[in-house]
Amino acid sequence: MLSLAVVSCRDTDNETDDESAIREEMNLDTDDKVEISEDGDKIKIETSEGDEIKIKKDDGEYKKKVDRADGSESKIKVDDGEVKVKSDN
């Protein structure tokens, strides 16, 4: 399943709005931890199951890396509408 949440940087005082948008878009539990960088270009999510999800925007390119609790890993890269998926499961 591919899900990618993109949050624009609006007002740094309203980080809870960005976090709420990410939680809603990705169907996260309340126990899941969400961290958003100050510039809004990096998002880190730690799920209650032990999975770690990192989403990064870099020069118009989006990258998503998922390190699962079972040791498997997947990477998704979106660049100019082209989607590349790497998985080791």
C-alpha atoms as a PDB file:
ATOM      1  CA  MET A   1       0.000   0.000   0.000  1.00  0.00           C
ATOM      2  CA  LEU A   2       1.340   3.390  -0.964  1.00  0.00           C
ATOM      3  CA  SER A   3       0.333   6.338   1.151  1.00  0.00           C
ATOM      4  CA  LEU A   4       2.169   9.599   1.091  1.00  0.00           C
ATOM      5  CA  ALA A   5       1.204  12.576   3.203  1.00  0.00           C
ATOM      6  CA  VAL A   6       2.400  15.973   2.111  1.00  0.00           C
ATOM      7  CA  VAL A   7       1.990  18.841   4.522  1.00  0.00           C
ATOM      8  CA  SER A   8       2.826  22.401   3.620  1.00  0.00           C
ATOM      9  CA  CYS A   9       4.532  24.635   6.107  1.00  0.00           C
ATOM     10  CA  ARG A  10       1.974  27.201   7.210  1.00  0.00           C
ATOM     11  CA  ASP A  11       2.318  28.563  10.706  1.00  0.00           C
ATOM     12  CA  THR A  12       4.962  26.981  12.929  1.00  0.00           C
ATOM     13  CA  ASP A  13       2.808  27.751  15.982  1.00  0.00           C
ATOM     14  CA  ASN A  14       0.123  25.401  14.657  1.00  0.00           C
ATOM     15  CA  GLU A  15       2.180  22.206  14.433  1.00  0.00           C
ATOM     16  CA  THR A  16      -0.693  20.291  16.002  1.00  0.00           C
ATOM     17  CA  ASP A  17      -2.790  21.060  12.892  1.00  0.00           C
ATOM     18  CA  ASP A  18      -0.098  19.525  10.660  1.00  0.00           C
ATOM     19  CA  GLU A  19       0.206  16.531  12.974  1.00  0.00           C
ATOM     20  CA  SER A  20      -3.569  16.053  12.957  1.00  0.00           C
ATOM     21  CA  ALA A  21      -3.613  16.170   9.157  1.00  0.00           C
ATOM     22  CA  ILE A  22      -0.886  13.511   8.966  1.00  0.00           C
ATOM     23  CA  ARG A  23      -2.621  11.296  11.533  1.00  0.00           C
ATOM     24  CA  GLU A  24      -5.888  11.523   9.604  1.00  0.00           C
ATOM     25  CA  GLU A  25      -4.332  10.979   6.155  1.00  0.00           C
ATOM     26  CA  MET A  26      -2.300   7.955   7.254  1.00  0.00           C
ATOM     27  CA  ASN A  27      -4.912   6.501   9.654  1.00  0.00           C
ATOM     28  CA  LEU A  28      -2.511   6.574  12.618  1.00  0.00           C
ATOM     29  CA  ASP A  29      -3.382   5.535  16.150  1.00  0.00           C
ATOM     30  CA  THR A  30      -3.205   7.998  19.028  1.00  0.00           C
ATOM     31  CA  ASP A  31      -0.269   5.959  20.441  1.00  0.00           C
ATOM     32  CA  ASP A  32       1.815   6.584  17.302  1.00  0.00           C
ATOM     33  CA  LYS A  33       4.469   9.297  17.617  1.00  0.00           C
ATOM     34  CA  VAL A  34       4.688  11.965  14.879  1.00  0.00           C
ATOM     35  CA  GLU A  35       7.590  14.416  14.502  1.00  0.00           C
ATOM     36  CA  ILE A  36       7.672  17.176  11.867  1.00  0.00           C
ATOM     37  CA  SER A  37      10.810  19.192  11.105  1.00  0.00           C
ATOM     38  CA  GLU A  38      10.615  22.960  11.507  1.00  0.00           C
ATOM     39  CA  ASP A  39      10.716  23.506   7.743  1.00  0.00           C
ATOM     40  CA  GLY A  40       8.076  20.817   7.181  1.00  0.00           C
ATOM     41  CA  ASP A  41      10.286  18.869   4.750  1.00  0.00           C
ATOM     42  CA  LYS A  42      10.798  15.825   7.022  1.00  0.00           C
ATOM     43  CA  ILE A  43       8.264  13.721   8.874  1.00  0.00           C
ATOM     44  CA  LYS A  44       9.099  10.835  11.198  1.00  0.00           C
ATOM     45  CA  ILE A  45       6.448   8.450  12.508  1.00  0.00           C
ATOM     46  CA  GLU A  46       6.982   5.727  15.091  1.00  0.00           C
ATOM     47  CA  THR A  47       4.032   3.360  15.340  1.00  0.00           C
ATOM     48  CA  SER A  48       2.948   1.518  18.461  1.00  0.00           C
ATOM     49  CA  GLU A  49       3.815  -1.742  16.622  1.00  0.00           C
ATOM     50  CA  GLY A  50       7.468  -0.632  16.383  1.00  0.00           C
ATOM     51  CA  ASP A  51       7.514   0.441  12.721  1.00  0.00           C
ATOM     52  CA  GLU A  52       9.399   3.612  11.766  1.00  0.00           C
ATOM     53  CA  ILE A  53       8.268   5.681   8.780  1.00  0.00           C
ATOM     54  CA  LYS A  54      10.289   8.580   7.399  1.00  0.00           C
ATOM     55  CA  ILE A  55       9.001  10.930   4.699  1.00  0.00           C
ATOM     56  CA  LYS A  56      11.297  13.510   3.140  1.00  0.00           C
ATOM     57  CA  LYS A  57      10.828  16.213   0.505  1.00  0.00           C
ATOM     58  CA  ASP A  58      13.985  17.240  -1.317  1.00  0.00           C
ATOM     59  CA  ASP A  59      14.026  19.485  -4.415  1.00  0.00           C
ATOM     60  CA  GLY A  60      10.542  18.434  -5.532  1.00  0.00           C
ATOM     61  CA  GLU A  61      11.328  14.759  -4.947  1.00  0.00           C
ATOM     62  CA  TYR A  62       9.521  12.773  -2.257  1.00  0.00           C
ATOM     63  CA  LYS A  63      11.001   9.780  -0.460  1.00  0.00           C
ATOM     64  CA  LYS A  64       9.324   7.434   1.993  1.00  0.00           C
ATOM     65  CA  LYS A  65      11.258   4.819   3.951  1.00  0.00           C
ATOM     66  CA  VAL A  66       9.565   2.230   6.154  1.00  0.00           C
ATOM     67  CA  ASP A  67      11.582   0.178   8.651  1.00  0.00           C
ATOM     68  CA  ARG A  68       9.234  -2.449  10.040  1.00  0.00           C
ATOM     69  CA  ALA A  69       9.517  -4.002  13.482  1.00  0.00           C
ATOM     70  CA  ASP A  70      10.089  -7.417  11.852  1.00  0.00           C
ATOM     71  CA  GLY A  71      13.304  -6.109  10.245  1.00  0.00           C
ATOM     72  CA  SER A  72      11.979  -5.688   6.711  1.00  0.00           C
ATOM     73  CA  GLU A  73      12.343  -2.399   4.870  1.00  0.00           C
ATOM     74  CA  SER A  74      10.764  -0.628   1.918  1.00  0.00           C
ATOM     75  CA  LYS A  75      11.564   2.591   0.084  1.00  0.00           C
ATOM     76  CA  ILE A  76       9.379   4.650  -2.215  1.00  0.00           C
ATOM     77  CA  LYS A  77      10.618   7.543  -4.330  1.00  0.00           C
ATOM     78  CA  VAL A  78       8.387   9.906  -6.315  1.00  0.00           C
ATOM     79  CA  ASP A  79      10.191  12.164  -8.777  1.00  0.00           C
ATOM     80  CA  ASP A  80       8.461  14.052 -11.614  1.00  0.00           C
ATOM     81  CA  GLY A  81       5.453  11.736 -11.367  1.00  0.00           C
ATOM     82  CA  GLU A  82       7.604   8.600 -11.622  1.00  0.00           C
ATOM     83  CA  VAL A  83       7.209   6.174  -8.704  1.00  0.00           C
ATOM     84  CA  LYS A  84      10.033   3.795  -7.784  1.00  0.00           C
ATOM     85  CA  VAL A  85       9.517   1.120  -5.136  1.00  0.00           C
ATOM     86  CA  LYS A  86      12.213  -0.996  -3.446  1.00  0.00           C
ATOM     87  CA  SER A  87      11.326  -3.659  -0.929  1.00  0.00           C
ATOM     88  CA  ASP A  88      13.314  -6.381   0.803  1.00  0.00           C
ATOM     89  CA  ASN A  89      10.398  -8.506   1.986  1.00  0.00           C
END
